[in-house]
N, C-alpha and C. Protein backbone atom coordinates (compact mmCIF):
# COMPACT_ATOMS: atom_id res chain seq x y z
N UNK A 1 125.64 91.46 110.28
CA UNK A 1 126.38 92.33 111.16
C UNK A 1 127.56 91.71 111.86
N UNK A 2 128.10 92.37 112.74
CA UNK A 2 129.27 92.01 113.42
C UNK A 2 129.18 90.69 114.21
N UNK A 3 128.01 90.61 114.94
CA UNK A 3 127.76 89.32 115.72
C UNK A 3 127.63 88.14 114.75
N UNK A 4 126.84 88.27 113.64
CA UNK A 4 126.70 87.15 112.85
C UNK A 4 128.01 86.73 112.24
N UNK A 5 128.96 87.70 112.00
CA UNK A 5 130.25 87.35 111.34
C UNK A 5 131.00 86.65 112.47
N UNK A 6 130.99 87.14 113.68
CA UNK A 6 131.84 86.39 114.67
C UNK A 6 131.28 84.91 114.97
N UNK A 7 129.98 84.79 114.86
CA UNK A 7 129.44 83.50 115.14
C UNK A 7 129.63 82.44 113.82
N UNK A 8 129.69 83.14 112.67
CA UNK A 8 129.83 82.26 111.41
C UNK A 8 131.30 81.93 111.16
N UNK A 9 132.35 82.79 111.56
CA UNK A 9 133.66 82.49 111.11
C UNK A 9 134.09 81.36 112.04
N UNK A 10 135.06 80.50 111.40
CA UNK A 10 135.52 79.37 112.08
C UNK A 10 136.98 79.56 112.58
N UNK A 11 137.17 79.11 113.76
CA UNK A 11 138.44 79.35 114.43
C UNK A 11 139.59 78.64 113.67
N UNK A 12 139.24 77.63 112.94
CA UNK A 12 140.21 76.87 112.18
C UNK A 12 140.82 77.71 111.13
N UNK A 13 139.99 78.67 110.47
CA UNK A 13 140.45 79.44 109.47
C UNK A 13 141.31 80.52 109.93
N UNK A 14 141.41 80.78 111.36
CA UNK A 14 142.28 81.75 111.85
C UNK A 14 143.72 81.26 111.99
N UNK A 15 143.95 80.14 111.72
CA UNK A 15 145.24 79.46 111.99
C UNK A 15 146.02 79.46 110.72
N UNK A 16 146.70 80.48 110.49
CA UNK A 16 147.70 80.72 109.27
C UNK A 16 149.18 80.34 109.63
N UNK A 17 150.02 80.17 108.76
CA UNK A 17 151.31 79.89 109.23
C UNK A 17 151.98 81.07 110.06
N UNK A 18 151.60 82.23 109.62
CA UNK A 18 152.19 83.38 110.33
C UNK A 18 151.63 83.50 111.78
N UNK A 19 150.45 83.22 111.92
CA UNK A 19 149.75 83.27 113.24
C UNK A 19 150.33 82.12 114.16
N UNK A 20 150.47 80.90 113.53
CA UNK A 20 151.00 79.82 114.31
C UNK A 20 152.45 80.14 114.76
N UNK A 21 153.18 80.71 113.87
CA UNK A 21 154.61 81.04 114.22
C UNK A 21 154.67 81.99 115.32
N UNK A 22 153.69 83.01 115.29
CA UNK A 22 153.61 84.17 116.35
C UNK A 22 153.21 83.40 117.66
N UNK A 23 152.31 82.59 117.65
CA UNK A 23 151.72 81.88 118.98
C UNK A 23 152.84 81.13 119.51
N UNK A 24 153.52 80.35 118.72
CA UNK A 24 154.49 79.39 119.14
C UNK A 24 155.76 80.17 119.71
N UNK A 25 156.10 81.34 119.09
CA UNK A 25 157.27 82.21 119.61
C UNK A 25 156.79 82.78 120.93
N UNK A 26 155.59 83.20 121.19
CA UNK A 26 155.12 83.94 122.23
C UNK A 26 155.06 82.75 123.47
N UNK A 27 154.80 81.57 123.09
CA UNK A 27 154.90 80.53 124.12
C UNK A 27 156.22 80.05 124.40
N UNK A 28 157.23 80.52 123.75
CA UNK A 28 158.67 80.14 123.99
C UNK A 28 158.98 78.78 123.28
N UNK A 29 158.05 78.32 122.39
CA UNK A 29 158.51 76.99 121.77
C UNK A 29 159.28 77.25 120.39
N UNK A 30 159.36 78.43 119.87
CA UNK A 30 160.06 78.81 118.72
C UNK A 30 161.08 79.99 118.99
N UNK A 31 162.40 79.85 118.49
CA UNK A 31 163.29 80.86 118.65
C UNK A 31 162.92 81.92 117.60
N UNK A 32 163.39 83.31 117.70
CA UNK A 32 163.04 84.32 116.85
C UNK A 32 163.19 84.03 115.31
N UNK A 33 164.22 83.15 115.06
CA UNK A 33 164.66 83.02 113.59
C UNK A 33 163.85 81.89 112.98
N UNK A 34 163.17 81.17 113.93
CA UNK A 34 162.41 79.99 113.46
C UNK A 34 160.98 80.25 113.15
N UNK A 35 160.42 79.53 112.09
CA UNK A 35 158.92 79.84 111.77
C UNK A 35 158.32 78.55 111.23
N UNK A 36 157.04 78.52 111.25
CA UNK A 36 156.07 77.44 110.72
C UNK A 36 156.19 77.69 109.17
N UNK A 37 156.54 76.65 108.40
CA UNK A 37 156.50 76.74 107.01
C UNK A 37 155.58 75.92 106.29
N UNK A 38 154.92 74.90 106.95
CA UNK A 38 153.96 74.20 106.50
C UNK A 38 152.94 73.63 107.55
N UNK A 39 151.61 73.56 107.04
CA UNK A 39 150.60 73.20 108.02
C UNK A 39 149.61 72.23 107.23
N UNK A 40 149.31 71.04 107.82
CA UNK A 40 148.34 70.11 107.32
C UNK A 40 147.45 69.85 108.44
N UNK A 41 146.26 70.35 108.30
CA UNK A 41 145.22 70.24 109.34
C UNK A 41 144.08 69.20 108.92
N UNK A 42 143.93 68.19 109.88
CA UNK A 42 142.83 67.13 109.70
C UNK A 42 142.03 67.07 110.87
N UNK A 43 140.82 66.47 110.71
CA UNK A 43 139.99 66.20 111.75
C UNK A 43 140.67 65.21 112.67
N UNK A 44 140.43 65.32 113.94
CA UNK A 44 140.98 64.47 115.03
C UNK A 44 139.92 63.87 115.99
N UNK A 45 139.82 62.59 115.87
CA UNK A 45 139.05 61.92 116.87
C UNK A 45 137.53 61.98 116.48
N UNK A 46 137.01 63.03 116.05
CA UNK A 46 135.47 63.11 115.84
C UNK A 46 134.79 63.02 116.93
N UNK A 47 135.29 63.31 118.19
CA UNK A 47 134.54 63.03 119.50
C UNK A 47 134.29 64.33 120.28
N UNK A 48 134.49 65.46 119.64
CA UNK A 48 134.25 66.60 120.42
C UNK A 48 132.72 66.81 120.69
N UNK A 49 132.45 67.10 122.05
CA UNK A 49 131.03 67.29 122.37
C UNK A 49 130.53 68.71 121.99
N UNK A 50 131.20 69.80 122.33
CA UNK A 50 130.81 71.00 122.07
C UNK A 50 131.33 71.57 120.74
N UNK A 51 132.62 71.36 120.54
CA UNK A 51 133.24 71.95 119.40
C UNK A 51 133.89 70.83 118.51
N UNK A 52 135.10 71.25 117.94
CA UNK A 52 135.75 70.21 117.08
C UNK A 52 137.24 70.14 117.50
N UNK A 53 137.87 69.20 117.01
CA UNK A 53 139.31 68.91 117.33
C UNK A 53 139.92 68.65 115.99
N UNK A 54 141.05 69.20 115.81
CA UNK A 54 141.86 69.02 114.67
C UNK A 54 143.44 68.74 115.09
N UNK A 55 144.05 67.93 114.25
CA UNK A 55 145.44 67.56 114.34
C UNK A 55 146.16 68.36 113.48
N UNK A 56 147.22 69.06 113.87
CA UNK A 56 148.06 69.97 113.05
C UNK A 56 149.35 69.38 112.78
N UNK A 57 149.73 68.97 111.68
CA UNK A 57 151.13 68.47 111.33
C UNK A 57 151.80 69.72 110.81
N UNK A 58 152.95 70.09 111.48
CA UNK A 58 153.72 71.28 111.23
C UNK A 58 155.03 71.02 110.71
N UNK A 59 155.56 71.80 109.76
CA UNK A 59 157.01 71.79 109.33
C UNK A 59 157.53 73.09 109.61
N UNK A 60 158.84 73.13 109.80
CA UNK A 60 159.51 74.38 110.18
C UNK A 60 160.60 74.73 109.24
N UNK A 61 161.15 75.84 109.32
CA UNK A 61 162.45 76.29 108.43
C UNK A 61 163.64 75.74 109.07
N UNK A 62 163.60 74.88 110.20
CA UNK A 62 164.70 74.39 110.86
C UNK A 62 164.33 72.96 111.18
N UNK A 63 165.51 72.15 111.59
CA UNK A 63 165.27 70.76 112.01
C UNK A 63 165.76 70.66 113.40
N UNK A 64 165.73 71.83 114.25
CA UNK A 64 166.10 71.77 115.53
C UNK A 64 165.39 70.63 116.35
N UNK A 65 165.98 69.90 117.16
CA UNK A 65 165.41 68.87 117.97
C UNK A 65 164.51 69.48 118.98
N UNK A 66 163.42 68.78 119.22
CA UNK A 66 162.43 69.19 120.28
C UNK A 66 161.29 70.11 119.78
N UNK A 67 161.33 70.31 118.48
CA UNK A 67 160.21 71.23 117.99
C UNK A 67 159.05 70.30 117.94
N UNK A 68 157.82 70.86 118.31
CA UNK A 68 156.54 70.01 118.26
C UNK A 68 156.15 69.90 116.80
N UNK A 69 156.11 68.64 116.28
CA UNK A 69 155.76 68.48 114.86
C UNK A 69 154.20 68.19 114.80
N UNK A 70 153.59 67.84 115.82
CA UNK A 70 152.05 67.64 115.76
C UNK A 70 151.40 68.26 117.00
N UNK A 71 150.41 69.18 116.77
CA UNK A 71 149.71 69.72 117.72
C UNK A 71 148.15 69.43 117.57
N UNK A 72 147.39 69.72 118.63
CA UNK A 72 146.01 69.62 118.65
C UNK A 72 145.36 70.88 118.75
N UNK A 73 144.38 71.25 117.98
CA UNK A 73 143.67 72.42 117.98
C UNK A 73 142.16 72.03 118.39
N UNK A 74 141.65 72.62 119.47
CA UNK A 74 140.32 72.41 119.99
C UNK A 74 139.59 73.71 119.67
N UNK A 75 138.52 73.76 118.99
CA UNK A 75 137.73 75.01 118.79
C UNK A 75 136.35 74.92 118.94
N UNK A 76 135.61 76.03 119.07
CA UNK A 76 134.20 76.02 119.12
C UNK A 76 133.46 75.57 117.84
N UNK A 77 134.23 75.51 116.83
CA UNK A 77 133.68 75.07 115.63
C UNK A 77 132.75 76.09 114.85
N UNK A 78 131.67 75.49 114.35
CA UNK A 78 130.77 76.37 113.45
C UNK A 78 129.76 77.13 114.38
N UNK A 79 128.78 77.86 113.71
CA UNK A 79 127.86 78.76 114.47
C UNK A 79 127.01 77.88 115.46
N UNK A 80 126.80 76.76 115.24
CA UNK A 80 125.92 75.90 116.12
C UNK A 80 126.85 75.66 117.30
N UNK A 81 128.02 75.19 117.08
CA UNK A 81 128.88 74.89 118.16
C UNK A 81 129.23 76.14 119.07
N UNK A 82 129.32 77.31 118.45
CA UNK A 82 129.50 78.64 119.19
C UNK A 82 128.28 78.89 120.05
N UNK A 83 126.98 78.73 119.46
CA UNK A 83 125.89 78.94 120.19
C UNK A 83 125.63 78.01 121.42
N UNK A 84 126.03 76.86 121.09
CA UNK A 84 125.98 75.83 122.25
C UNK A 84 127.01 76.21 123.25
N UNK A 85 128.18 76.63 122.85
CA UNK A 85 129.33 76.95 123.91
C UNK A 85 128.73 78.16 124.67
N UNK A 86 128.05 79.09 124.15
CA UNK A 86 127.48 80.18 124.96
C UNK A 86 126.59 79.66 125.93
N UNK A 87 125.64 78.81 125.56
CA UNK A 87 124.55 78.23 126.41
C UNK A 87 125.09 77.42 127.54
N UNK A 88 126.19 76.65 127.40
CA UNK A 88 126.63 75.80 128.42
C UNK A 88 127.98 76.27 129.01
N UNK A 89 128.53 77.42 128.43
CA UNK A 89 129.84 77.96 129.01
C UNK A 89 130.99 77.14 128.58
N UNK A 90 131.00 76.44 127.40
CA UNK A 90 132.15 75.85 126.83
C UNK A 90 133.24 76.69 126.65
N UNK A 91 133.11 77.93 126.40
CA UNK A 91 134.15 78.78 126.05
C UNK A 91 135.15 78.94 127.27
N UNK A 92 134.66 78.63 128.37
CA UNK A 92 135.46 78.78 129.70
C UNK A 92 136.66 77.88 129.59
N UNK A 93 136.68 76.83 128.77
CA UNK A 93 137.93 75.95 128.70
C UNK A 93 139.00 76.81 128.24
N UNK A 94 138.90 77.69 127.25
CA UNK A 94 140.02 78.53 126.81
C UNK A 94 140.36 79.45 127.98
N UNK A 95 139.45 79.99 128.68
CA UNK A 95 139.89 80.79 129.81
C UNK A 95 140.67 79.96 130.85
N UNK A 96 140.28 78.72 131.16
CA UNK A 96 140.95 77.97 132.08
C UNK A 96 142.51 77.85 131.67
N UNK A 97 142.66 77.57 130.40
CA UNK A 97 144.10 77.34 129.86
C UNK A 97 144.96 78.71 129.97
N UNK A 98 144.37 79.84 129.93
CA UNK A 98 144.88 81.16 130.11
C UNK A 98 145.24 81.51 131.57
N UNK A 99 144.39 80.89 132.48
CA UNK A 99 144.65 81.32 133.87
C UNK A 99 145.08 80.15 134.81
N UNK A 100 144.16 79.33 135.20
CA UNK A 100 144.44 78.33 136.18
C UNK A 100 145.58 77.30 135.74
N UNK A 101 145.48 76.93 134.35
CA UNK A 101 146.34 76.03 133.85
C UNK A 101 147.86 76.43 133.87
N UNK A 102 148.02 77.85 133.95
CA UNK A 102 149.40 78.35 133.97
C UNK A 102 149.83 78.69 135.51
N UNK A 103 148.85 78.55 136.38
CA UNK A 103 149.19 78.81 137.74
C UNK A 103 148.85 77.61 138.60
N UNK A 104 147.61 77.66 139.23
CA UNK A 104 147.25 76.72 140.13
C UNK A 104 147.31 75.33 139.60
N UNK A 105 146.94 75.04 138.46
CA UNK A 105 147.06 73.58 137.92
C UNK A 105 148.13 73.27 136.95
N UNK A 106 149.15 74.08 136.97
CA UNK A 106 150.22 74.02 135.90
C UNK A 106 150.89 72.62 135.95
N UNK A 107 150.95 71.96 137.18
CA UNK A 107 151.59 70.56 137.27
C UNK A 107 150.73 69.49 136.67
N UNK A 108 149.37 69.83 136.42
CA UNK A 108 148.36 68.66 136.02
C UNK A 108 147.63 68.99 134.70
N UNK A 109 147.67 70.31 134.30
CA UNK A 109 146.81 70.59 133.02
C UNK A 109 147.77 70.06 131.75
N UNK A 110 147.09 69.82 130.78
CA UNK A 110 147.74 69.44 129.50
C UNK A 110 148.67 70.77 129.08
N UNK A 111 149.72 70.55 128.51
CA UNK A 111 150.55 71.66 127.97
C UNK A 111 149.80 72.27 126.80
N UNK A 112 149.79 73.63 126.95
CA UNK A 112 149.18 74.38 125.78
C UNK A 112 150.09 75.36 125.34
N UNK A 113 149.87 75.91 124.10
CA UNK A 113 150.74 76.98 123.47
C UNK A 113 149.97 78.10 123.37
N UNK A 114 148.63 78.10 123.26
CA UNK A 114 147.86 79.38 123.09
C UNK A 114 146.47 79.02 123.43
N UNK A 115 145.63 79.87 124.11
CA UNK A 115 144.20 79.64 124.23
C UNK A 115 143.51 81.07 124.07
N UNK A 116 142.25 80.90 123.68
CA UNK A 116 141.51 82.12 123.55
C UNK A 116 140.01 81.75 123.84
N UNK A 117 139.30 82.68 124.48
CA UNK A 117 137.86 82.47 124.68
C UNK A 117 137.14 83.72 124.68
N UNK A 118 135.82 83.74 124.21
CA UNK A 118 135.11 84.92 124.33
C UNK A 118 133.64 84.44 124.58
N UNK A 119 133.21 85.09 125.82
CA UNK A 119 131.91 84.60 126.32
C UNK A 119 130.78 85.25 125.46
N UNK A 120 131.06 86.43 124.86
CA UNK A 120 130.05 86.98 124.00
C UNK A 120 129.70 86.16 122.66
N UNK A 121 130.65 85.75 122.00
CA UNK A 121 130.58 84.95 120.80
C UNK A 121 130.45 83.41 120.98
N UNK A 122 130.91 83.00 122.15
CA UNK A 122 131.10 81.56 122.38
C UNK A 122 132.31 80.86 121.68
N UNK A 123 133.14 81.79 121.06
CA UNK A 123 134.29 81.33 120.35
C UNK A 123 135.40 81.03 121.29
N UNK A 124 136.00 79.90 121.12
CA UNK A 124 137.18 79.51 121.98
C UNK A 124 138.08 78.65 121.08
N UNK A 125 139.38 78.71 121.37
CA UNK A 125 140.33 77.69 120.66
C UNK A 125 141.52 77.50 121.61
N UNK A 126 141.98 76.32 121.57
CA UNK A 126 143.13 75.95 122.41
C UNK A 126 144.18 75.22 121.56
N UNK A 127 145.29 75.68 121.48
CA UNK A 127 146.33 74.99 120.69
C UNK A 127 147.32 74.24 121.76
N UNK A 128 147.38 72.94 121.64
CA UNK A 128 148.04 72.12 122.72
C UNK A 128 148.78 70.94 122.20
N UNK A 129 149.72 70.48 122.93
CA UNK A 129 150.42 69.38 122.51
C UNK A 129 149.69 68.19 122.34
N UNK A 130 150.06 67.27 121.38
CA UNK A 130 149.40 66.03 121.05
C UNK A 130 149.73 65.04 122.03
N UNK A 131 148.98 64.58 122.92
CA UNK A 131 149.25 63.64 123.96
C UNK A 131 148.84 62.22 123.43
N UNK A 132 148.15 62.12 122.31
CA UNK A 132 147.63 60.79 121.97
C UNK A 132 148.68 59.76 121.77
N UNK A 133 149.85 60.05 121.43
CA UNK A 133 150.77 58.98 121.22
C UNK A 133 151.39 58.52 122.46
N UNK A 134 151.38 59.29 123.55
CA UNK A 134 151.88 58.85 124.82
C UNK A 134 150.87 58.57 125.89
N UNK A 135 149.70 58.96 125.64
CA UNK A 135 148.64 58.72 126.80
C UNK A 135 147.37 58.27 126.23
N UNK A 136 146.47 57.52 126.94
CA UNK A 136 145.32 57.13 126.68
C UNK A 136 144.37 57.96 127.45
N UNK A 137 143.42 58.60 126.70
CA UNK A 137 142.36 59.48 127.32
C UNK A 137 141.44 58.68 128.24
N UNK A 138 140.84 59.22 129.28
CA UNK A 138 140.02 58.64 130.14
C UNK A 138 138.69 58.14 129.42
N UNK A 139 138.39 58.85 128.36
CA UNK A 139 137.12 58.39 127.59
C UNK A 139 137.36 56.90 126.91
N UNK A 140 138.65 56.71 126.58
CA UNK A 140 138.95 55.33 126.03
C UNK A 140 139.10 54.31 127.08
N UNK A 141 139.35 54.71 128.39
CA UNK A 141 139.56 53.62 129.40
C UNK A 141 138.24 53.27 130.04
N UNK A 142 137.35 54.31 130.19
CA UNK A 142 136.15 54.14 130.90
C UNK A 142 134.97 54.24 129.95
N UNK A 143 135.03 54.79 128.82
CA UNK A 143 133.96 55.04 127.92
C UNK A 143 133.31 56.41 128.29
N UNK A 144 132.88 56.98 127.24
CA UNK A 144 132.28 58.42 127.38
C UNK A 144 130.81 58.22 127.68
N UNK A 145 130.29 59.12 128.49
CA UNK A 145 128.87 58.85 129.07
C UNK A 145 127.86 59.17 127.94
N UNK A 146 128.34 59.82 126.94
CA UNK A 146 127.53 60.21 125.72
C UNK A 146 127.52 59.22 124.71
N UNK A 147 128.70 58.69 124.17
CA UNK A 147 128.67 57.80 123.08
C UNK A 147 129.50 56.54 123.35
N UNK A 148 130.05 56.34 124.57
CA UNK A 148 130.68 55.20 124.78
C UNK A 148 132.04 54.88 124.20
N UNK A 149 132.57 53.84 124.20
CA UNK A 149 133.79 53.50 123.62
C UNK A 149 133.78 53.56 122.01
N UNK A 150 134.84 53.91 121.42
CA UNK A 150 134.93 53.71 119.94
C UNK A 150 134.81 52.33 119.45
N UNK A 151 134.02 52.27 118.28
CA UNK A 151 133.87 50.89 117.80
C UNK A 151 135.20 50.04 117.61
N UNK A 152 135.33 48.92 118.11
CA UNK A 152 136.56 48.20 117.91
C UNK A 152 137.64 48.46 118.83
N UNK A 153 137.43 49.29 119.84
CA UNK A 153 138.59 49.75 120.86
C UNK A 153 138.80 48.62 121.71
N UNK A 154 140.10 48.35 121.92
CA UNK A 154 140.47 47.18 122.75
C UNK A 154 141.19 47.77 124.05
N UNK A 155 140.59 47.70 125.27
CA UNK A 155 141.14 48.26 126.46
C UNK A 155 142.20 47.45 126.97
N UNK A 156 142.48 46.20 126.51
CA UNK A 156 143.59 45.49 127.09
C UNK A 156 144.94 45.75 126.45
N UNK A 157 144.87 46.44 125.27
CA UNK A 157 146.15 46.70 124.46
C UNK A 157 146.97 47.81 125.39
């Protein structure tokens, strides 16, 4: 049925060139004549607790300076991830980026281009700027309470 379909569909499959173009235009990141012409999606980090993270390498029909060439997509992932998201409220992260991150926390929240959440299905997705090249996540500085530091990570670097 409908609920089974919603729980089994993956948010990653929802990200087509057309949809990414529309999202980035709505966010003000693309001009009306600009569009996403290429997408290469790969697993990113492998450290998502509730869902999955992907790195999106994008190409455009223009070489305009300032276009985001790499974005990060956080999603609820598979049916197990969605069910877990319902149980612990993980879907609320998408809601945060649609509300507080744009108002109350706009000076502190990570920049995002699109966010979606659904409490009924547990599905959420957040399309955000890739901060990994400029910032070190707190998990890498302090270690994550679930799995610790990545093997071979050097904090002194």
